[in-house]
N, C-alpha and C. Protein backbone atom coordinates (compact mmCIF):
# COMPACT_ATOMS: atom_id res chain seq x y z
N TYR A 1 70.10 49.84 -157.29
CA TYR A 1 69.64 49.39 -155.95
C TYR A 1 68.76 50.42 -155.33
N ALA A 2 69.18 51.68 -155.30
CA ALA A 2 68.42 52.80 -154.68
C ALA A 2 67.09 52.89 -155.33
N ALA A 3 67.11 52.94 -156.70
CA ALA A 3 65.83 53.18 -157.42
C ALA A 3 64.89 51.89 -157.25
N ASP A 4 65.46 50.75 -157.22
CA ASP A 4 64.61 49.54 -156.95
C ASP A 4 64.00 49.52 -155.56
N ASN A 5 64.68 50.24 -154.61
CA ASN A 5 64.13 50.34 -153.25
C ASN A 5 63.41 51.59 -152.94
N GLY A 6 62.95 52.26 -153.97
CA GLY A 6 62.02 53.42 -153.75
C GLY A 6 62.67 54.81 -153.58
N ALA A 7 64.00 54.88 -153.75
CA ALA A 7 64.66 56.24 -153.50
C ALA A 7 64.11 57.21 -154.67
N ARG A 8 63.61 58.24 -154.31
CA ARG A 8 63.06 59.29 -155.26
C ARG A 8 64.18 60.30 -155.61
N VAL A 9 65.15 60.56 -154.80
CA VAL A 9 66.28 61.42 -155.03
C VAL A 9 67.55 60.81 -154.88
N LEU A 10 68.36 60.98 -155.91
CA LEU A 10 69.75 60.37 -155.90
C LEU A 10 70.77 61.47 -155.98
N ASN A 11 71.44 61.74 -154.89
CA ASN A 11 72.49 62.75 -154.84
C ASN A 11 73.76 62.08 -155.25
N ASN A 12 74.46 62.60 -156.28
CA ASN A 12 75.73 62.05 -156.74
C ASN A 12 76.86 63.07 -156.65
N SER A 13 77.45 63.17 -155.45
CA SER A 13 78.55 64.19 -155.26
C SER A 13 79.82 63.45 -155.69
N TRP A 14 79.87 62.93 -156.87
CA TRP A 14 81.02 62.27 -157.43
C TRP A 14 80.93 62.37 -158.95
N GLY A 15 81.98 62.10 -159.65
CA GLY A 15 81.98 62.13 -161.08
C GLY A 15 83.32 62.04 -161.66
N GLY A 16 83.42 62.02 -162.95
CA GLY A 16 84.74 62.02 -163.59
C GLY A 16 84.58 62.03 -165.13
N LEU A 17 85.71 62.20 -165.81
CA LEU A 17 85.75 62.22 -167.20
C LEU A 17 85.56 60.84 -167.80
N GLY A 18 84.98 60.73 -168.99
CA GLY A 18 84.89 59.40 -169.63
C GLY A 18 83.46 58.99 -169.66
N ILE A 19 83.18 58.19 -170.62
CA ILE A 19 81.79 57.76 -170.84
C ILE A 19 81.70 56.21 -170.50
N SER A 20 80.65 55.79 -169.89
CA SER A 20 80.43 54.44 -169.60
C SER A 20 78.99 54.07 -169.93
N GLN A 21 78.81 53.19 -170.91
CA GLN A 21 77.40 52.74 -171.24
C GLN A 21 76.71 52.16 -169.99
N THR A 22 77.44 51.46 -169.18
CA THR A 22 76.76 50.82 -168.01
C THR A 22 76.29 51.91 -167.08
N LEU A 23 77.07 53.00 -166.89
CA LEU A 23 76.63 54.13 -166.13
C LEU A 23 75.36 54.86 -166.71
N ILE A 24 75.42 55.08 -168.04
CA ILE A 24 74.28 55.63 -168.74
C ILE A 24 73.05 54.79 -168.50
N ASP A 25 73.21 53.54 -168.71
CA ASP A 25 72.06 52.61 -168.50
C ASP A 25 71.53 52.59 -167.06
N ALA A 26 72.42 52.68 -166.10
CA ALA A 26 72.01 52.71 -164.67
C ALA A 26 71.18 53.95 -164.42
N PHE A 27 71.61 55.10 -164.97
CA PHE A 27 70.90 56.29 -164.64
C PHE A 27 69.61 56.45 -165.44
N HIS A 28 69.56 55.87 -166.61
CA HIS A 28 68.29 55.81 -167.35
C HIS A 28 67.37 54.82 -166.66
N TYR A 29 67.74 53.80 -166.12
CA TYR A 29 66.99 52.83 -165.34
C TYR A 29 66.33 53.53 -164.11
N ALA A 30 67.23 54.26 -163.39
CA ALA A 30 66.74 54.95 -162.21
C ALA A 30 65.72 56.04 -162.65
N TYR A 31 65.91 56.73 -163.72
CA TYR A 31 65.00 57.74 -164.23
C TYR A 31 63.61 57.05 -164.54
N TYR A 32 63.58 55.87 -165.20
CA TYR A 32 62.34 55.25 -165.60
C TYR A 32 61.70 54.59 -164.37
N LYS A 33 62.43 54.47 -163.28
CA LYS A 33 61.79 54.00 -162.09
C LYS A 33 61.25 55.15 -161.18
N GLY A 34 61.48 56.35 -161.67
CA GLY A 34 60.94 57.54 -161.01
C GLY A 34 61.82 58.35 -160.17
N SER A 35 63.15 58.05 -160.17
CA SER A 35 64.12 58.75 -159.33
C SER A 35 64.54 60.04 -160.01
N VAL A 36 64.78 61.10 -159.27
CA VAL A 36 65.42 62.29 -159.71
C VAL A 36 66.92 62.23 -159.36
N ALA A 37 67.76 62.21 -160.44
CA ALA A 37 69.27 62.15 -160.27
C ALA A 37 69.82 63.49 -160.34
N ILE A 38 70.63 63.88 -159.30
CA ILE A 38 71.34 65.13 -159.36
C ILE A 38 72.83 64.72 -159.34
N ALA A 39 73.68 65.41 -160.06
CA ALA A 39 75.12 65.14 -160.04
C ALA A 39 75.93 66.42 -160.19
N ILE A 40 77.18 66.33 -159.76
CA ILE A 40 78.07 67.40 -159.81
C ILE A 40 78.64 67.69 -161.22
N ALA A 41 78.87 68.95 -161.54
CA ALA A 41 79.50 69.27 -162.83
C ALA A 41 80.96 69.12 -162.81
N GLY A 42 81.61 69.07 -161.68
CA GLY A 42 83.06 68.93 -161.60
C GLY A 42 83.73 70.25 -161.24
N ASN A 43 85.05 70.07 -160.87
CA ASN A 43 85.76 71.21 -160.30
C ASN A 43 87.05 71.49 -161.03
N ASP A 44 87.02 71.48 -162.38
CA ASP A 44 88.19 71.69 -163.21
C ASP A 44 88.13 72.98 -163.96
N ASN A 45 87.11 73.84 -163.82
CA ASN A 45 86.92 75.09 -164.61
C ASN A 45 87.01 74.80 -166.12
N ARG A 46 86.25 73.77 -166.56
CA ARG A 46 86.26 73.44 -167.91
C ARG A 46 84.87 72.98 -168.31
N ASP A 47 84.65 72.77 -169.63
CA ASP A 47 83.30 72.34 -170.15
C ASP A 47 83.07 70.94 -169.63
N MET A 48 81.92 70.72 -169.13
CA MET A 48 81.56 69.47 -168.45
C MET A 48 80.87 68.55 -169.40
N SER A 49 80.91 68.71 -170.66
CA SER A 49 80.12 67.86 -171.58
C SER A 49 80.64 66.39 -171.61
N SER A 50 81.77 66.06 -171.05
CA SER A 50 82.26 64.72 -170.95
C SER A 50 82.43 64.31 -169.53
N TYR A 51 81.82 65.02 -168.63
CA TYR A 51 81.86 64.69 -167.22
C TYR A 51 80.69 63.89 -166.80
N PHE A 52 80.94 62.72 -166.33
CA PHE A 52 79.81 61.79 -165.99
C PHE A 52 79.70 61.49 -164.55
N PRO A 53 78.53 61.34 -163.99
CA PRO A 53 77.26 61.16 -164.64
C PRO A 53 76.44 62.52 -165.02
N ALA A 54 77.01 63.70 -164.71
CA ALA A 54 76.25 64.89 -164.98
C ALA A 54 75.90 65.05 -166.45
N ALA A 55 76.75 64.51 -167.32
CA ALA A 55 76.45 64.71 -168.76
C ALA A 55 75.31 63.85 -169.27
N ILE A 56 74.84 62.92 -168.47
CA ILE A 56 73.75 62.04 -168.91
C ILE A 56 72.42 62.88 -169.06
N ASP A 57 71.64 62.63 -170.05
CA ASP A 57 70.49 63.43 -170.36
C ASP A 57 69.45 63.52 -169.28
N THR A 58 69.28 62.45 -168.48
CA THR A 58 68.28 62.39 -167.52
C THR A 58 68.72 62.99 -166.07
N VAL A 59 69.98 63.44 -166.02
CA VAL A 59 70.59 63.91 -164.78
C VAL A 59 70.54 65.43 -164.73
N ILE A 60 70.22 65.97 -163.46
CA ILE A 60 70.23 67.36 -163.23
C ILE A 60 71.73 67.73 -162.90
N ALA A 61 72.46 68.45 -163.76
CA ALA A 61 73.88 68.84 -163.57
C ALA A 61 73.89 70.09 -162.75
N VAL A 62 74.78 70.11 -161.70
CA VAL A 62 74.80 71.23 -160.76
C VAL A 62 76.19 71.83 -160.74
N ALA A 63 76.31 73.13 -161.07
CA ALA A 63 77.47 73.94 -160.99
C ALA A 63 77.62 74.55 -159.61
N ALA A 64 78.73 75.11 -159.23
CA ALA A 64 78.92 75.78 -157.94
C ALA A 64 78.97 77.25 -158.12
N SER A 65 78.26 77.93 -157.20
CA SER A 65 78.25 79.36 -157.11
C SER A 65 78.82 79.82 -155.84
N THR A 66 79.12 81.07 -155.75
CA THR A 66 79.76 81.66 -154.50
C THR A 66 78.58 82.34 -153.73
N GLN A 67 78.95 82.76 -152.56
CA GLN A 67 77.93 83.41 -151.68
C GLN A 67 77.50 84.79 -152.31
N ARG A 68 78.25 85.22 -153.28
CA ARG A 68 77.87 86.43 -154.00
C ARG A 68 77.25 86.18 -155.34
N ASP A 69 76.70 85.01 -155.53
CA ASP A 69 76.14 84.62 -156.75
C ASP A 69 76.98 84.83 -157.98
N GLU A 70 78.27 84.45 -157.83
CA GLU A 70 79.28 84.40 -158.90
C GLU A 70 79.55 82.98 -159.15
N LYS A 71 80.16 82.69 -160.33
CA LYS A 71 80.55 81.36 -160.62
C LYS A 71 81.79 81.06 -159.67
N ALA A 72 81.81 79.96 -159.05
CA ALA A 72 82.96 79.57 -158.23
C ALA A 72 84.08 79.30 -159.26
N SER A 73 85.22 79.83 -158.96
CA SER A 73 86.30 79.74 -159.88
C SER A 73 86.68 78.36 -160.35
N PHE A 74 86.44 77.40 -159.62
CA PHE A 74 86.72 75.97 -160.01
C PHE A 74 85.58 75.25 -160.69
N SER A 75 84.45 75.74 -160.64
CA SER A 75 83.29 75.10 -161.16
C SER A 75 83.32 74.83 -162.76
N ASN A 76 83.06 73.59 -163.05
CA ASN A 76 82.85 73.30 -164.50
C ASN A 76 81.60 73.97 -164.98
N TYR A 77 81.49 74.10 -166.29
CA TYR A 77 80.44 74.85 -166.90
C TYR A 77 79.98 74.15 -168.21
N GLY A 78 78.92 74.57 -168.89
CA GLY A 78 78.55 73.96 -170.14
C GLY A 78 77.07 74.03 -170.33
N ALA A 79 76.68 73.71 -171.54
CA ALA A 79 75.27 73.67 -172.01
C ALA A 79 74.39 72.79 -171.13
N LYS A 80 74.94 71.77 -170.55
CA LYS A 80 74.20 70.72 -169.80
C LYS A 80 73.87 71.23 -168.37
N ILE A 81 74.45 72.30 -167.86
CA ILE A 81 74.26 72.82 -166.53
C ILE A 81 72.80 73.12 -166.40
N SER A 82 72.13 72.56 -165.34
CA SER A 82 70.70 72.84 -165.03
C SER A 82 70.64 74.08 -164.05
N VAL A 83 71.31 74.00 -162.99
CA VAL A 83 71.34 75.03 -161.99
C VAL A 83 72.65 75.09 -161.32
N ALA A 84 72.87 76.15 -160.60
CA ALA A 84 74.10 76.34 -159.71
C ALA A 84 73.59 76.35 -158.27
N ALA A 85 74.45 76.02 -157.33
CA ALA A 85 74.05 76.14 -155.91
C ALA A 85 75.34 76.45 -155.16
N PRO A 86 75.21 76.85 -153.87
CA PRO A 86 76.39 77.25 -153.09
C PRO A 86 77.43 76.11 -153.07
N GLY A 87 78.64 76.50 -153.45
CA GLY A 87 79.77 75.55 -153.50
C GLY A 87 81.00 76.14 -152.95
N GLY A 88 81.10 77.39 -152.60
CA GLY A 88 82.33 77.94 -152.06
C GLY A 88 83.08 78.87 -153.11
N GLY A 89 84.19 79.34 -152.64
CA GLY A 89 85.04 80.04 -153.59
C GLY A 89 84.70 81.54 -153.73
N TYR A 90 84.79 82.36 -152.69
CA TYR A 90 84.47 83.76 -152.77
C TYR A 90 85.73 84.48 -152.40
N GLU A 91 85.84 85.71 -152.87
CA GLU A 91 86.94 86.60 -152.58
C GLU A 91 86.87 87.01 -151.12
N ASN A 92 87.97 87.02 -150.38
CA ASN A 92 87.96 87.29 -149.02
C ASN A 92 87.63 88.79 -148.75
N GLU A 93 87.33 89.12 -147.50
CA GLU A 93 86.88 90.54 -147.17
C GLU A 93 87.93 91.61 -147.46
N LEU A 94 89.17 91.12 -147.62
CA LEU A 94 90.21 92.20 -147.82
C LEU A 94 90.26 92.67 -149.29
N GLY A 95 89.56 91.93 -150.13
CA GLY A 95 89.61 92.37 -151.58
C GLY A 95 90.93 92.24 -152.23
N THR A 96 91.70 91.28 -151.77
CA THR A 96 93.06 91.17 -152.38
C THR A 96 93.18 90.20 -153.51
N GLY A 97 92.03 89.64 -153.98
CA GLY A 97 92.07 88.62 -154.91
C GLY A 97 92.35 87.23 -154.41
N VAL A 98 92.50 87.11 -153.14
CA VAL A 98 92.67 85.79 -152.43
C VAL A 98 91.32 85.21 -152.21
N PHE A 99 91.14 83.99 -152.62
CA PHE A 99 89.86 83.37 -152.45
C PHE A 99 89.85 82.42 -151.36
N ASP A 100 88.85 82.55 -150.55
CA ASP A 100 88.54 81.59 -149.39
C ASP A 100 87.65 80.48 -149.99
N GLN A 101 88.32 79.38 -150.38
CA GLN A 101 87.67 78.33 -151.10
C GLN A 101 86.67 77.59 -150.21
N TYR A 102 87.05 77.35 -148.93
CA TYR A 102 86.33 76.41 -148.11
C TYR A 102 85.32 77.06 -147.27
N ASN A 103 84.08 77.10 -147.64
CA ASN A 103 83.15 77.83 -146.77
C ASN A 103 81.84 77.04 -146.75
N ILE A 104 81.71 75.78 -147.09
CA ILE A 104 80.49 75.02 -146.92
C ILE A 104 80.64 74.01 -145.85
N LEU A 105 79.86 74.09 -144.80
CA LEU A 105 79.96 73.20 -143.71
C LEU A 105 79.57 71.80 -144.11
N SER A 106 80.43 70.78 -143.71
CA SER A 106 80.16 69.42 -144.07
C SER A 106 80.65 68.51 -142.96
N ALA A 107 80.07 67.33 -142.92
CA ALA A 107 80.58 66.29 -142.01
C ALA A 107 81.80 65.66 -142.74
N ILE A 108 82.92 65.67 -141.98
CA ILE A 108 84.13 65.06 -142.56
C ILE A 108 84.91 64.37 -141.51
N PRO A 109 85.70 63.30 -141.93
CA PRO A 109 86.55 62.68 -140.90
C PRO A 109 87.71 63.66 -140.60
N ASP A 110 87.91 63.86 -139.29
CA ASP A 110 88.97 64.82 -138.85
C ASP A 110 90.32 64.54 -139.46
N GLU A 111 90.66 63.26 -139.63
CA GLU A 111 91.97 63.00 -140.09
C GLU A 111 92.13 63.17 -141.58
N ALA A 112 90.98 63.30 -142.29
CA ALA A 112 91.03 63.47 -143.76
C ALA A 112 91.46 64.90 -144.09
N TYR A 113 90.92 65.86 -143.42
CA TYR A 113 91.21 67.27 -143.66
C TYR A 113 91.47 68.03 -142.38
N PRO A 114 92.57 67.75 -141.74
CA PRO A 114 92.90 68.26 -140.41
C PRO A 114 92.93 69.78 -140.37
N THR A 115 93.39 70.45 -141.51
CA THR A 115 93.41 71.92 -141.55
C THR A 115 92.09 72.58 -141.71
N LEU A 116 91.09 71.74 -142.21
CA LEU A 116 89.81 72.29 -142.54
C LEU A 116 88.74 71.97 -141.46
N THR A 117 89.20 71.16 -140.47
CA THR A 117 88.24 70.78 -139.39
C THR A 117 88.05 71.95 -138.43
N ILE A 118 86.75 72.26 -138.17
CA ILE A 118 86.35 73.32 -137.27
C ILE A 118 85.76 72.82 -136.00
N ALA A 119 85.36 71.58 -135.91
CA ALA A 119 84.89 70.96 -134.75
C ALA A 119 84.84 69.40 -135.04
N GLU A 120 84.83 68.60 -134.04
CA GLU A 120 85.00 67.17 -134.20
C GLU A 120 83.89 66.67 -135.27
N GLY A 121 84.43 66.17 -136.37
CA GLY A 121 83.56 65.59 -137.39
C GLY A 121 82.99 66.60 -138.38
N TYR A 122 83.42 67.86 -138.27
CA TYR A 122 82.93 68.91 -139.14
C TYR A 122 84.00 69.82 -139.63
N GLY A 123 83.86 70.19 -140.90
CA GLY A 123 84.80 71.07 -141.46
C GLY A 123 84.09 71.92 -142.64
N ARG A 124 84.95 72.74 -143.16
CA ARG A 124 84.44 73.62 -144.32
C ARG A 124 85.08 73.10 -145.56
N LEU A 125 84.30 72.89 -146.55
CA LEU A 125 84.78 72.34 -147.85
C LEU A 125 84.31 73.19 -148.99
N ALA A 126 84.70 72.92 -150.17
CA ALA A 126 84.21 73.62 -151.39
C ALA A 126 84.19 72.69 -152.50
N GLY A 127 83.31 72.95 -153.49
CA GLY A 127 83.25 72.17 -154.68
C GLY A 127 81.83 71.92 -155.12
N THR A 128 81.67 71.37 -156.31
CA THR A 128 80.38 71.08 -156.80
C THR A 128 79.76 69.92 -155.94
N SER A 129 80.63 69.14 -155.28
CA SER A 129 80.14 68.04 -154.41
C SER A 129 79.43 68.69 -153.17
N MET A 130 79.67 69.94 -152.90
CA MET A 130 78.95 70.67 -151.86
C MET A 130 77.73 71.30 -152.36
N ALA A 131 77.71 71.60 -153.70
CA ALA A 131 76.53 72.26 -154.32
C ALA A 131 75.36 71.26 -154.59
N ALA A 132 75.73 70.06 -155.10
CA ALA A 132 74.68 69.13 -155.52
C ALA A 132 73.75 68.73 -154.38
N PRO A 133 74.18 68.59 -153.13
CA PRO A 133 73.21 68.21 -152.04
C PRO A 133 72.24 69.46 -151.76
N HIS A 134 72.59 70.53 -152.02
CA HIS A 134 71.55 71.70 -151.90
C HIS A 134 70.43 71.37 -152.84
N VAL A 135 70.71 71.06 -154.08
CA VAL A 135 69.69 70.82 -155.07
C VAL A 135 68.93 69.50 -154.80
N SER A 136 69.65 68.50 -154.21
CA SER A 136 68.91 67.22 -153.92
C SER A 136 67.97 67.53 -152.69
N GLY A 137 68.38 68.41 -151.80
CA GLY A 137 67.43 68.74 -150.72
C GLY A 137 66.17 69.47 -151.23
N VAL A 138 66.40 70.37 -152.23
CA VAL A 138 65.21 71.04 -152.82
C VAL A 138 64.28 70.02 -153.49
N ALA A 139 64.91 69.01 -154.22
CA ALA A 139 64.11 68.06 -154.90
C ALA A 139 63.33 67.21 -153.88
N ALA A 140 64.00 66.85 -152.80
CA ALA A 140 63.31 66.06 -151.75
C ALA A 140 62.15 66.91 -151.14
N LEU A 141 62.28 68.23 -150.95
CA LEU A 141 61.20 69.05 -150.40
C LEU A 141 60.05 69.11 -151.37
N ILE A 142 60.35 69.28 -152.63
CA ILE A 142 59.33 69.31 -153.67
C ILE A 142 58.50 68.03 -153.61
N ILE A 143 59.20 66.90 -153.62
CA ILE A 143 58.54 65.63 -153.59
C ILE A 143 57.74 65.38 -152.30
N SER A 144 58.21 65.88 -151.18
CA SER A 144 57.44 65.76 -149.93
C SER A 144 56.15 66.50 -149.93
N LYS A 145 56.05 67.48 -150.74
CA LYS A 145 54.81 68.21 -150.76
C LYS A 145 53.81 67.63 -151.80
N ASN A 146 54.28 66.81 -152.72
CA ASN A 146 53.47 66.16 -153.73
C ASN A 146 54.05 64.84 -154.02
N LEU A 147 53.72 63.80 -153.33
CA LEU A 147 54.26 62.49 -153.55
C LEU A 147 53.99 61.95 -154.97
N GLY A 148 52.98 62.35 -155.64
CA GLY A 148 52.66 61.84 -156.95
C GLY A 148 53.39 62.53 -158.08
N ILE A 149 54.24 63.55 -157.72
CA ILE A 149 55.00 64.34 -158.80
C ILE A 149 55.94 63.45 -159.51
N THR A 150 56.15 63.73 -160.78
CA THR A 150 57.09 62.88 -161.59
C THR A 150 58.45 63.60 -161.50
N ASN A 151 59.46 62.83 -161.88
CA ASN A 151 60.85 63.33 -161.88
C ASN A 151 61.06 64.44 -162.95
N ASP A 152 60.35 64.48 -163.98
CA ASP A 152 60.37 65.50 -164.96
C ASP A 152 59.73 66.88 -164.37
N GLU A 153 58.66 66.71 -163.62
CA GLU A 153 58.01 67.80 -162.98
C GLU A 153 58.88 68.40 -161.93
N VAL A 154 59.56 67.52 -161.15
CA VAL A 154 60.57 68.15 -160.15
C VAL A 154 61.65 68.84 -160.83
N ARG A 155 62.25 68.37 -161.94
CA ARG A 155 63.26 69.14 -162.72
C ARG A 155 62.77 70.49 -163.13
N GLN A 156 61.52 70.44 -163.66
CA GLN A 156 60.90 71.70 -164.23
C GLN A 156 60.73 72.77 -163.11
N ILE A 157 60.27 72.30 -161.95
CA ILE A 157 60.13 73.18 -160.87
C ILE A 157 61.46 73.79 -160.46
N ILE A 158 62.49 72.95 -160.30
CA ILE A 158 63.75 73.42 -159.88
C ILE A 158 64.37 74.44 -160.89
N GLU A 159 64.28 74.06 -162.19
CA GLU A 159 64.77 74.98 -163.21
C GLU A 159 64.01 76.31 -163.31
N ASN A 160 62.65 76.12 -163.29
CA ASN A 160 61.73 77.27 -163.54
C ASN A 160 61.64 78.20 -162.39
N THR A 161 62.03 77.75 -161.15
CA THR A 161 61.95 78.70 -160.00
C THR A 161 63.30 79.10 -159.45
N ALA A 162 64.38 78.72 -160.16
CA ALA A 162 65.73 79.22 -159.80
C ALA A 162 65.84 80.72 -159.96
N ASP A 163 66.64 81.28 -159.05
CA ASP A 163 66.97 82.61 -159.16
C ASP A 163 67.90 82.86 -160.31
N ASP A 164 67.48 83.56 -161.41
CA ASP A 164 68.24 83.67 -162.59
C ASP A 164 69.41 84.60 -162.35
N ILE A 165 70.63 84.00 -162.20
CA ILE A 165 71.84 84.84 -162.06
C ILE A 165 72.73 84.63 -163.29
N GLY A 166 73.66 85.59 -163.56
CA GLY A 166 74.40 85.46 -164.72
C GLY A 166 73.73 86.10 -165.90
N GLN A 167 73.95 85.63 -167.08
CA GLN A 167 73.23 86.11 -168.30
C GLN A 167 71.77 85.85 -168.13
N PRO A 168 70.89 86.68 -168.56
CA PRO A 168 69.39 86.41 -168.52
C PRO A 168 69.09 85.17 -169.23
N GLY A 169 68.20 84.30 -168.63
CA GLY A 169 67.81 82.99 -169.24
C GLY A 169 68.89 81.99 -168.92
N LYS A 170 68.81 80.83 -169.57
CA LYS A 170 69.64 79.70 -169.26
C LYS A 170 71.10 80.13 -169.84
N ASP A 171 72.14 79.88 -169.07
CA ASP A 171 73.46 80.21 -169.53
C ASP A 171 74.37 79.00 -169.16
N ILE A 172 75.61 79.01 -169.65
CA ILE A 172 76.56 77.90 -169.48
C ILE A 172 77.17 77.82 -168.12
N TYR A 173 77.06 78.89 -167.25
CA TYR A 173 77.73 78.95 -165.97
C TYR A 173 76.73 78.64 -164.80
N PHE A 174 75.47 79.07 -164.96
CA PHE A 174 74.54 78.90 -163.90
C PHE A 174 73.24 78.07 -164.34
N GLY A 175 73.23 77.62 -165.58
CA GLY A 175 72.06 77.06 -166.07
C GLY A 175 70.83 78.01 -165.98
N TYR A 176 69.80 77.60 -165.28
CA TYR A 176 68.63 78.47 -165.13
C TYR A 176 68.77 79.40 -163.96
N GLY A 177 69.80 79.15 -163.12
CA GLY A 177 70.01 79.99 -161.90
C GLY A 177 70.65 79.31 -160.78
């Protein structure tokens, strides 16, 4: 529906284990319609090769990093990771090994996360679901500067201009950075 109605960027802050040909077909369809699809790698600290829709070849898979450019402890990883983005999970200032997981501001229903709510309708969350929208925003900005750009060119710009953290070059935790 989104691709048929001209959406150029599809943020997918959802996912799960298992393969679905219908899902693969839908993301391939969106790709051929010119949409850039971004999806979460997942939050199980495991290889995301069977985590969908991120594992689909036309999708930009996003891992979560901390504010210190480290892998978030919960973030999935794997060869399919394109980039990492802020997702939470940094060690607190006391250096005790305790992690403050929830540090990405998000709009949330107050009743859903009462202990994480910091103001009416807003709270701090963590996860690759918080990381993917950062990449989706970058994709939208790239497209806004060049409306004729292809989805492959958007992906190349995101990957080629990422701040390379972790092992030099593409790696399983941060992708290109």
